[in-house]
């Protein structure tokens, strides 16, 4: 469960929304290349979600000292 929590899936909804809106506008635009493959959409959605999850993890690691100083919630394990 901690593996899922550290990726912050709730924060991925805006990312998914922008990706789906871009896909939709690309499909309806007459000047856009042919991008009607749903498999390509799902692959892009998965890869972009993993990328954003990695960014959140790196951010948690970088903010470890300030989170300790401010007694914030730790999503990444502390060093003892």
PDB file of N, CA and C in Angstrom:
ATOM      1  N   UNK A   1       0.812  -1.193   0.000  1.00  0.00           N
ATOM      2  CA  UNK A   1       0.000   0.000   0.000  1.00  0.00           C
ATOM      3  C   UNK A   1       0.860   1.264   0.000  1.00  0.00           C
ATOM      4  N   UNK A   2       2.001   1.202   0.685  1.00  0.00           N
ATOM      5  CA  UNK A   2       2.887   2.368   0.705  1.00  0.00           C
ATOM      6  C   UNK A   2       3.435   2.686  -0.676  1.00  0.00           C
ATOM      7  N   UNK A   3       3.637   1.635  -1.486  1.00  0.00           N
ATOM      8  CA  UNK A   3       4.139   1.868  -2.848  1.00  0.00           C
ATOM      9  C   UNK A   3       3.150   2.686  -3.665  1.00  0.00           C
ATOM     10  N   UNK A   4       1.869   2.444  -3.460  1.00  0.00           N
ATOM     11  CA  UNK A   4       0.851   3.208  -4.176  1.00  0.00           C
ATOM     12  C   UNK A   4       0.741   4.614  -3.604  1.00  0.00           C
ATOM     13  N   UNK A   5       0.811   4.748  -2.292  1.00  0.00           N
ATOM     14  CA  UNK A   5       0.676   6.061  -1.658  1.00  0.00           C
ATOM     15  C   UNK A   5       1.809   6.991  -2.035  1.00  0.00           C
ATOM     16  N   UNK A   6       3.012   6.464  -2.181  1.00  0.00           N
ATOM     17  CA  UNK A   6       4.154   7.320  -2.500  1.00  0.00           C
ATOM     18  C   UNK A   6       4.057   7.872  -3.925  1.00  0.00           C
ATOM     19  N   UNK A   7       3.332   7.210  -4.803  1.00  0.00           N
ATOM     20  CA  UNK A   7       3.145   7.706  -6.171  1.00  0.00           C
ATOM     21  C   UNK A   7       2.083   8.796  -6.254  1.00  0.00           C
ATOM     22  N   UNK A   8       1.325   8.977  -5.187  1.00  0.00           N
ATOM     23  CA  UNK A   8       0.281   9.999  -5.093  1.00  0.00           C
ATOM     24  C   UNK A   8      -0.704   9.932  -6.269  1.00  0.00           C
ATOM     25  N   UNK A   9      -1.481   8.862  -6.341  1.00  0.00           N
ATOM     26  CA  UNK A   9      -2.389   8.704  -7.480  1.00  0.00           C
ATOM     27  C   UNK A   9      -3.441   9.802  -7.599  1.00  0.00           C
ATOM     28  N   UNK A  10      -3.833  10.428  -6.501  1.00  0.00           N
ATOM     29  CA  UNK A  10      -4.826  11.505  -6.573  1.00  0.00           C
ATOM     30  C   UNK A  10      -4.276  12.682  -7.381  1.00  0.00           C
ATOM     31  N   UNK A  11      -2.996  12.931  -7.275  1.00  0.00           N
ATOM     32  CA  UNK A  11      -2.400  14.043  -8.030  1.00  0.00           C
ATOM     33  C   UNK A  11      -2.225  13.728  -9.508  1.00  0.00           C
ATOM     34  N   UNK A  12      -2.500  12.516  -9.916  1.00  0.00           N
ATOM     35  CA  UNK A  12      -2.380  12.164 -11.327  1.00  0.00           C
ATOM     36  C   UNK A  12      -3.632  12.523 -12.128  1.00  0.00           C
ATOM     37  N   UNK A  13      -4.741  12.813 -11.467  1.00  0.00           N
ATOM     38  CA  UNK A  13      -5.961  13.147 -12.201  1.00  0.00           C
ATOM     39  C   UNK A  13      -5.790  14.364 -13.117  1.00  0.00           C
ATOM     40  N   UNK A  14      -5.156  15.461 -12.680  1.00  0.00           N
ATOM     41  CA  UNK A  14      -4.941  16.578 -13.608  1.00  0.00           C
ATOM     42  C   UNK A  14      -4.037  16.194 -14.778  1.00  0.00           C
ATOM     43  N   UNK A  15      -3.056  15.347 -14.523  1.00  0.00           N
ATOM     44  CA  UNK A  15      -2.154  14.884 -15.588  1.00  0.00           C
ATOM     45  C   UNK A  15      -2.946  14.083 -16.613  1.00  0.00           C
ATOM     46  N   UNK A  16      -3.779  13.165 -16.128  1.00  0.00           N
ATOM     47  CA  UNK A  16      -4.589  12.354 -17.032  1.00  0.00           C
ATOM     48  C   UNK A  16      -5.579  13.216 -17.807  1.00  0.00           C
ATOM     49  N   UNK A  17      -6.145  14.222 -17.148  1.00  0.00           N
ATOM     50  CA  UNK A  17      -7.110  15.100 -17.807  1.00  0.00           C
ATOM     51  C   UNK A  17      -6.464  15.840 -18.967  1.00  0.00           C
ATOM     52  N   UNK A  18      -5.292  16.411 -18.731  1.00  0.00           N
ATOM     53  CA  UNK A  18      -4.606  17.137 -19.802  1.00  0.00           C
ATOM     54  C   UNK A  18      -4.218  16.214 -20.946  1.00  0.00           C
ATOM     55  N   UNK A  19      -3.769  15.008 -20.634  1.00  0.00           N
ATOM     56  CA  UNK A  19      -3.397  14.056 -21.673  1.00  0.00           C
ATOM     57  C   UNK A  19      -4.615  13.655 -22.502  1.00  0.00           C
ATOM     58  N   UNK A  20      -5.740  13.378 -21.840  1.00  0.00           N
ATOM     59  CA  UNK A  20      -6.945  12.986 -22.564  1.00  0.00           C
ATOM     60  C   UNK A  20      -7.525  14.138 -23.385  1.00  0.00           C
ATOM     61  N   UNK A  21      -7.457  15.364 -22.856  1.00  0.00           N
ATOM     62  CA  UNK A  21      -7.918  16.516 -23.635  1.00  0.00           C
ATOM     63  C   UNK A  21      -7.049  16.725 -24.872  1.00  0.00           C
ATOM     64  N   UNK A  22      -5.743  16.577 -24.718  1.00  0.00           N
ATOM     65  CA  UNK A  22      -4.848  16.690 -25.873  1.00  0.00           C
ATOM     66  C   UNK A  22      -5.123  15.621 -26.916  1.00  0.00           C
ATOM     67  N   UNK A  23      -5.385  14.404 -26.464  1.00  0.00           N
ATOM     68  CA  UNK A  23      -5.717  13.311 -27.373  1.00  0.00           C
ATOM     69  C   UNK A  23      -7.024  13.599 -28.105  1.00  0.00           C
ATOM     70  N   UNK A  24      -8.011  14.077 -27.360  1.00  0.00           N
ATOM     71  CA  UNK A  24      -9.308  14.385 -27.968  1.00  0.00           C
ATOM     72  C   UNK A  24      -9.185  15.502 -29.019  1.00  0.00           C
ATOM     73  N   UNK A  25      -8.483  16.561 -28.666  1.00  0.00           N
ATOM     74  CA  UNK A  25      -8.328  17.665 -29.625  1.00  0.00           C
ATOM     75  C   UNK A  25      -7.494  17.236 -30.832  1.00  0.00           C
ATOM     76  N   UNK A  26      -6.557  16.353 -30.615  1.00  0.00           N
ATOM     77  CA  UNK A  26      -5.790  15.823 -31.739  1.00  0.00           C
ATOM     78  C   UNK A  26      -6.636  14.992 -32.678  1.00  0.00           C
ATOM     79  N   UNK A  27      -7.599  14.276 -32.121  1.00  0.00           N
ATOM     80  CA  UNK A  27      -8.489  13.454 -32.955  1.00  0.00           C
ATOM     81  C   UNK A  27      -9.444  14.295 -33.784  1.00  0.00           C
ATOM     82  N   UNK A  28      -9.921  15.417 -33.234  1.00  0.00           N
ATOM     83  CA  UNK A  28     -10.923  16.199 -33.960  1.00  0.00           C
ATOM     84  C   UNK A  28     -10.307  17.261 -34.857  1.00  0.00           C
ATOM     85  N   UNK A  29      -9.011  17.499 -34.735  1.00  0.00           N
ATOM     86  CA  UNK A  29      -8.356  18.512 -35.561  1.00  0.00           C
ATOM     87  C   UNK A  29      -8.095  17.958 -36.957  1.00  0.00           C
ATOM     88  N   UNK A  30      -8.508  18.689 -37.987  1.00  0.00           N
ATOM     89  CA  UNK A  30      -8.279  18.194 -39.356  1.00  0.00           C
ATOM     90  C   UNK A  30      -6.800  18.237 -39.757  1.00  0.00           C
ATOM     91  N   UNK A  31      -6.003  19.081 -39.121  1.00  0.00           N
ATOM     92  CA  UNK A  31      -4.592  19.208 -39.478  1.00  0.00           C
ATOM     93  C   UNK A  31      -3.705  18.228 -38.731  1.00  0.00           C
ATOM     94  N   UNK A  32      -4.240  17.533 -37.732  1.00  0.00           N
ATOM     95  CA  UNK A  32      -3.436  16.626 -36.915  1.00  0.00           C
ATOM     96  C   UNK A  32      -3.179  15.321 -37.662  1.00  0.00           C
ATOM     97  N   UNK A  33      -2.036  14.698 -37.409  1.00  0.00           N
ATOM     98  CA  UNK A  33      -1.790  13.379 -38.016  1.00  0.00           C
ATOM     99  C   UNK A  33      -2.742  12.337 -37.430  1.00  0.00           C
ATOM    100  N   UNK A  34      -2.810  11.200 -38.056  1.00  0.00           N
ATOM    101  CA  UNK A  34      -3.707  10.131 -37.629  1.00  0.00           C
ATOM    102  C   UNK A  34      -3.226   9.536 -36.300  1.00  0.00           C
ATOM    103  N   UNK A  35      -3.981   9.759 -35.209  1.00  0.00           N
ATOM    104  CA  UNK A  35      -3.615   9.235 -33.894  1.00  0.00           C
ATOM    105  C   UNK A  35      -4.802   8.523 -33.261  1.00  0.00           C
ATOM    106  N   UNK A  36      -5.493   7.731 -34.038  1.00  0.00           N
ATOM    107  CA  UNK A  36      -6.712   7.092 -33.550  1.00  0.00           C
ATOM    108  C   UNK A  36      -6.457   5.744 -32.874  1.00  0.00           C
ATOM    109  N   UNK A  37      -5.206   5.400 -32.613  1.00  0.00           N
ATOM    110  CA  UNK A  37      -4.923   4.111 -31.991  1.00  0.00           C
ATOM    111  C   UNK A  37      -5.075   4.213 -30.482  1.00  0.00           C
ATOM    112  N   UNK A  38      -6.068   3.536 -29.902  1.00  0.00           N
ATOM    113  CA  UNK A  38      -6.236   3.572 -28.442  1.00  0.00           C
ATOM    114  C   UNK A  38      -5.056   2.944 -27.704  1.00  0.00           C
ATOM    115  N   UNK A  39      -4.393   1.971 -28.319  1.00  0.00           N
ATOM    116  CA  UNK A  39      -3.240   1.348 -27.678  1.00  0.00           C
ATOM    117  C   UNK A  39      -2.131   2.368 -27.445  1.00  0.00           C
ATOM    118  N   UNK A  40      -1.938   3.260 -28.394  1.00  0.00           N
ATOM    119  CA  UNK A  40      -0.939   4.317 -28.250  1.00  0.00           C
ATOM    120  C   UNK A  40      -1.333   5.258 -27.109  1.00  0.00           C
ATOM    121  N   UNK A  41      -2.615   5.552 -26.973  1.00  0.00           N
ATOM    122  CA  UNK A  41      -3.093   6.398 -25.879  1.00  0.00           C
ATOM    123  C   UNK A  41      -2.825   5.744 -24.535  1.00  0.00           C
ATOM    124  N   UNK A  42      -3.157   4.459 -24.377  1.00  0.00           N
ATOM    125  CA  UNK A  42      -2.959   3.771 -23.097  1.00  0.00           C
ATOM    126  C   UNK A  42      -1.485   3.642 -22.756  1.00  0.00           C
ATOM    127  N   UNK A  43      -0.653   3.402 -23.758  1.00  0.00           N
ATOM    128  CA  UNK A  43       0.791   3.337 -23.514  1.00  0.00           C
ATOM    129  C   UNK A  43       1.336   4.678 -23.041  1.00  0.00           C
ATOM    130  N   UNK A  44       0.895   5.743 -23.692  1.00  0.00           N
ATOM    131  CA  UNK A  44       1.321   7.085 -23.295  1.00  0.00           C
ATOM    132  C   UNK A  44       0.814   7.422 -21.904  1.00  0.00           C
ATOM    133  N   UNK A  45      -0.422   7.047 -21.603  1.00  0.00           N
ATOM    134  CA  UNK A  45      -1.002   7.302 -20.282  1.00  0.00           C
ATOM    135  C   UNK A  45      -0.209   6.577 -19.182  1.00  0.00           C
ATOM    136  N   UNK A  46       0.144   5.335 -19.420  1.00  0.00           N
ATOM    137  CA  UNK A  46       0.919   4.572 -18.429  1.00  0.00           C
ATOM    138  C   UNK A  46       2.320   5.152 -18.246  1.00  0.00           C
ATOM    139  N   UNK A  47       3.001   5.431 -19.336  1.00  0.00           N
ATOM    140  CA  UNK A  47       4.359   5.972 -19.241  1.00  0.00           C
ATOM    141  C   UNK A  47       4.379   7.351 -18.590  1.00  0.00           C
ATOM    142  N   UNK A  48       3.426   8.188 -18.922  1.00  0.00           N
ATOM    143  CA  UNK A  48       3.373   9.534 -18.338  1.00  0.00           C
ATOM    144  C   UNK A  48       3.037   9.458 -16.848  1.00  0.00           C
ATOM    145  N   UNK A  49       2.177   8.516 -16.475  1.00  0.00           N
ATOM    146  CA  UNK A  49       1.850   8.331 -15.058  1.00  0.00           C
ATOM    147  C   UNK A  49       3.072   7.869 -14.275  1.00  0.00           C
ATOM    148  N   UNK A  50       3.840   6.935 -14.830  1.00  0.00           N
ATOM    149  CA  UNK A  50       5.062   6.486 -14.173  1.00  0.00           C
ATOM    150  C   UNK A  50       6.088   7.606 -14.066  1.00  0.00           C
ATOM    151  N   UNK A  51       6.193   8.427 -15.093  1.00  0.00           N
ATOM    152  CA  UNK A  51       7.115   9.556 -15.061  1.00  0.00           C
ATOM    153  C   UNK A  51       6.722  10.543 -13.966  1.00  0.00           C
ATOM    154  N   UNK A  52       5.450  10.881 -13.884  1.00  0.00           N
ATOM    155  CA  UNK A  52       5.010  11.822 -12.861  1.00  0.00           C
ATOM    156  C   UNK A  52       5.140  11.219 -11.466  1.00  0.00           C
ATOM    157  N   UNK A  53       4.905   9.923 -11.320  1.00  0.00           N
ATOM    158  CA  UNK A  53       5.122   9.257 -10.044  1.00  0.00           C
ATOM    159  C   UNK A  53       6.583   9.332  -9.620  1.00  0.00           C
ATOM    160  N   UNK A  54       7.487   9.164 -10.578  1.00  0.00           N
ATOM    161  CA  UNK A  54       8.917   9.279 -10.276  1.00  0.00           C
ATOM    162  C   UNK A  54       9.274  10.699  -9.855  1.00  0.00           C
ATOM    163  N   UNK A  55       8.670  11.678 -10.477  1.00  0.00           N
ATOM    164  CA  UNK A  55       8.912  13.081 -10.097  1.00  0.00           C
ATOM    165  C   UNK A  55       8.445  13.321  -8.665  1.00  0.00           C
ATOM    166  N   UNK A  56       7.302  12.764  -8.287  1.00  0.00           N
ATOM    167  CA  UNK A  56       6.801  12.929  -6.918  1.00  0.00           C
ATOM    168  C   UNK A  56       7.737  12.274  -5.907  1.00  0.00           C
ATOM    169  N   UNK A  57       8.278  11.112  -6.244  1.00  0.00           N
ATOM    170  CA  UNK A  57       9.202  10.416  -5.341  1.00  0.00           C
ATOM    171  C   UNK A  57      10.485  11.212  -5.172  1.00  0.00           C
ATOM    172  N   UNK A  58      11.044  11.701  -6.271  1.00  0.00           N
ATOM    173  CA  UNK A  58      12.270  12.510  -6.192  1.00  0.00           C
ATOM    174  C   UNK A  58      12.007  13.774  -5.378  1.00  0.00           C
ATOM    175  N   UNK A  59      10.843  14.368  -5.531  1.00  0.00           N
ATOM    176  CA  UNK A  59      10.487  15.551  -4.748  1.00  0.00           C
ATOM    177  C   UNK A  59      10.422  15.223  -3.256  1.00  0.00           C
ATOM    178  N   UNK A  60       9.855  14.066  -2.903  1.00  0.00           N
ATOM    179  CA  UNK A  60       9.803  13.662  -1.500  1.00  0.00           C
ATOM    180  C   UNK A  60      11.202  13.468  -0.922  1.00  0.00           C
ATOM    181  N   UNK A  61      12.093  12.886  -1.704  1.00  0.00           N
ATOM    182  CA  UNK A  61      13.469  12.679  -1.244  1.00  0.00           C
ATOM    183  C   UNK A  61      14.172  14.017  -1.073  1.00  0.00           C
ATOM    184  N   UNK A  62      13.963  14.932  -2.013  1.00  0.00           N
ATOM    185  CA  UNK A  62      14.613  16.241  -1.935  1.00  0.00           C
ATOM    186  C   UNK A  62      14.070  17.071  -0.777  1.00  0.00           C
ATOM    187  N   UNK A  63      12.809  16.904  -0.426  1.00  0.00           N
ATOM    188  CA  UNK A  63      12.189  17.689   0.641  1.00  0.00           C
ATOM    189  C   UNK A  63      12.280  17.019   2.012  1.00  0.00           C
ATOM    190  N   UNK A  64      13.043  15.968   2.123  1.00  0.00           N
ATOM    191  CA  UNK A  64      13.112  15.200   3.359  1.00  0.00           C
ATOM    192  C   UNK A  64      13.538  16.050   4.553  1.00  0.00           C
ATOM    193  N   UNK A  65      14.555  16.886   4.384  1.00  0.00           N
ATOM    194  CA  UNK A  65      15.058  17.696   5.499  1.00  0.00           C
ATOM    195  C   UNK A  65      14.052  18.765   5.921  1.00  0.00           C
ATOM    196  N   UNK A  66      13.425  19.431   4.967  1.00  0.00           N
ATOM    197  CA  UNK A  66      12.434  20.453   5.328  1.00  0.00           C
ATOM    198  C   UNK A  66      11.189  19.822   5.935  1.00  0.00           C
ATOM    199  N   UNK A  67      10.810  18.644   5.461  1.00  0.00           N
ATOM    200  CA  UNK A  67       9.669  17.955   6.066  1.00  0.00           C
ATOM    201  C   UNK A  67       9.973  17.560   7.506  1.00  0.00           C
ATOM    202  N   UNK A  68      11.195  17.142   7.784  1.00  0.00           N
ATOM    203  CA  UNK A  68      11.574  16.787   9.152  1.00  0.00           C
ATOM    204  C   UNK A  68      11.557  18.026  10.049  1.00  0.00           C
ATOM    205  N   UNK A  69      12.009  19.135   9.530  1.00  0.00           N
ATOM    206  CA  UNK A  69      12.038  20.377  10.307  1.00  0.00           C
ATOM    207  C   UNK A  69      10.625  20.865  10.623  1.00  0.00           C
ATOM    208  N   UNK A  70       9.693  20.673   9.687  1.00  0.00           N
ATOM    209  CA  UNK A  70       8.319  21.163   9.848  1.00  0.00           C
ATOM    210  C   UNK A  70       7.348  20.103  10.358  1.00  0.00           C
ATOM    211  N   UNK A  71       7.836  18.923  10.722  1.00  0.00           N
ATOM    212  CA  UNK A  71       7.005  17.811  11.204  1.00  0.00           C
ATOM    213  C   UNK A  71       5.856  17.495  10.257  1.00  0.00           C
ATOM    214  N   UNK A  72       6.184  17.325   8.980  1.00  0.00           N
ATOM    215  CA  UNK A  72       5.174  16.981   7.983  1.00  0.00           C
ATOM    216  C   UNK A  72       5.066  15.471   7.836  1.00  0.00           C
ATOM    217  N   UNK A  73       4.059  15.048   7.100  1.00  0.00           N
ATOM    218  CA  UNK A  73       3.831  13.632   6.826  1.00  0.00           C
ATOM    219  C   UNK A  73       4.938  13.106   5.909  1.00  0.00           C
ATOM    220  N   UNK A  74       5.501  12.001   6.282  1.00  0.00           N
ATOM    221  CA  UNK A  74       6.567  11.384   5.482  1.00  0.00           C
ATOM    222  C   UNK A  74       5.995  10.282   4.617  1.00  0.00           C
ATOM    223  N   UNK A  75       6.193  10.379   3.330  1.00  0.00           N
ATOM    224  CA  UNK A  75       5.788   9.305   2.435  1.00  0.00           C
ATOM    225  C   UNK A  75       6.965   8.420   2.070  1.00  0.00           C
ATOM    226  N   UNK A  76       8.161   8.945   2.238  1.00  0.00           N
ATOM    227  CA  UNK A  76       9.374   8.188   1.989  1.00  0.00           C
ATOM    228  C   UNK A  76       9.965   7.862   3.357  1.00  0.00           C
ATOM    229  N   UNK A  77      10.437   6.649   3.528  1.00  0.00           N
ATOM    230  CA  UNK A  77      10.926   6.194   4.831  1.00  0.00           C
ATOM    231  C   UNK A  77      12.085   7.061   5.307  1.00  0.00           C
ATOM    232  N   UNK A  78      12.128   7.255   6.608  1.00  0.00           N
ATOM    233  CA  UNK A  78      13.193   8.039   7.235  1.00  0.00           C
ATOM    234  C   UNK A  78      14.426   7.175   7.487  1.00  0.00           C
ATOM    235  N   UNK A  79      15.568   7.804   7.459  1.00  0.00           N
ATOM    236  CA  UNK A  79      16.792   7.118   7.852  1.00  0.00           C
ATOM    237  C   UNK A  79      16.914   7.198   9.360  1.00  0.00           C
ATOM    238  N   UNK A  80      17.224   6.099   9.995  1.00  0.00           N
ATOM    239  CA  UNK A  80      17.358   6.069  11.464  1.00  0.00           C
ATOM    240  C   UNK A  80      18.801   6.030  11.861  1.00  0.00           C
TER     241      UNK A  80
END
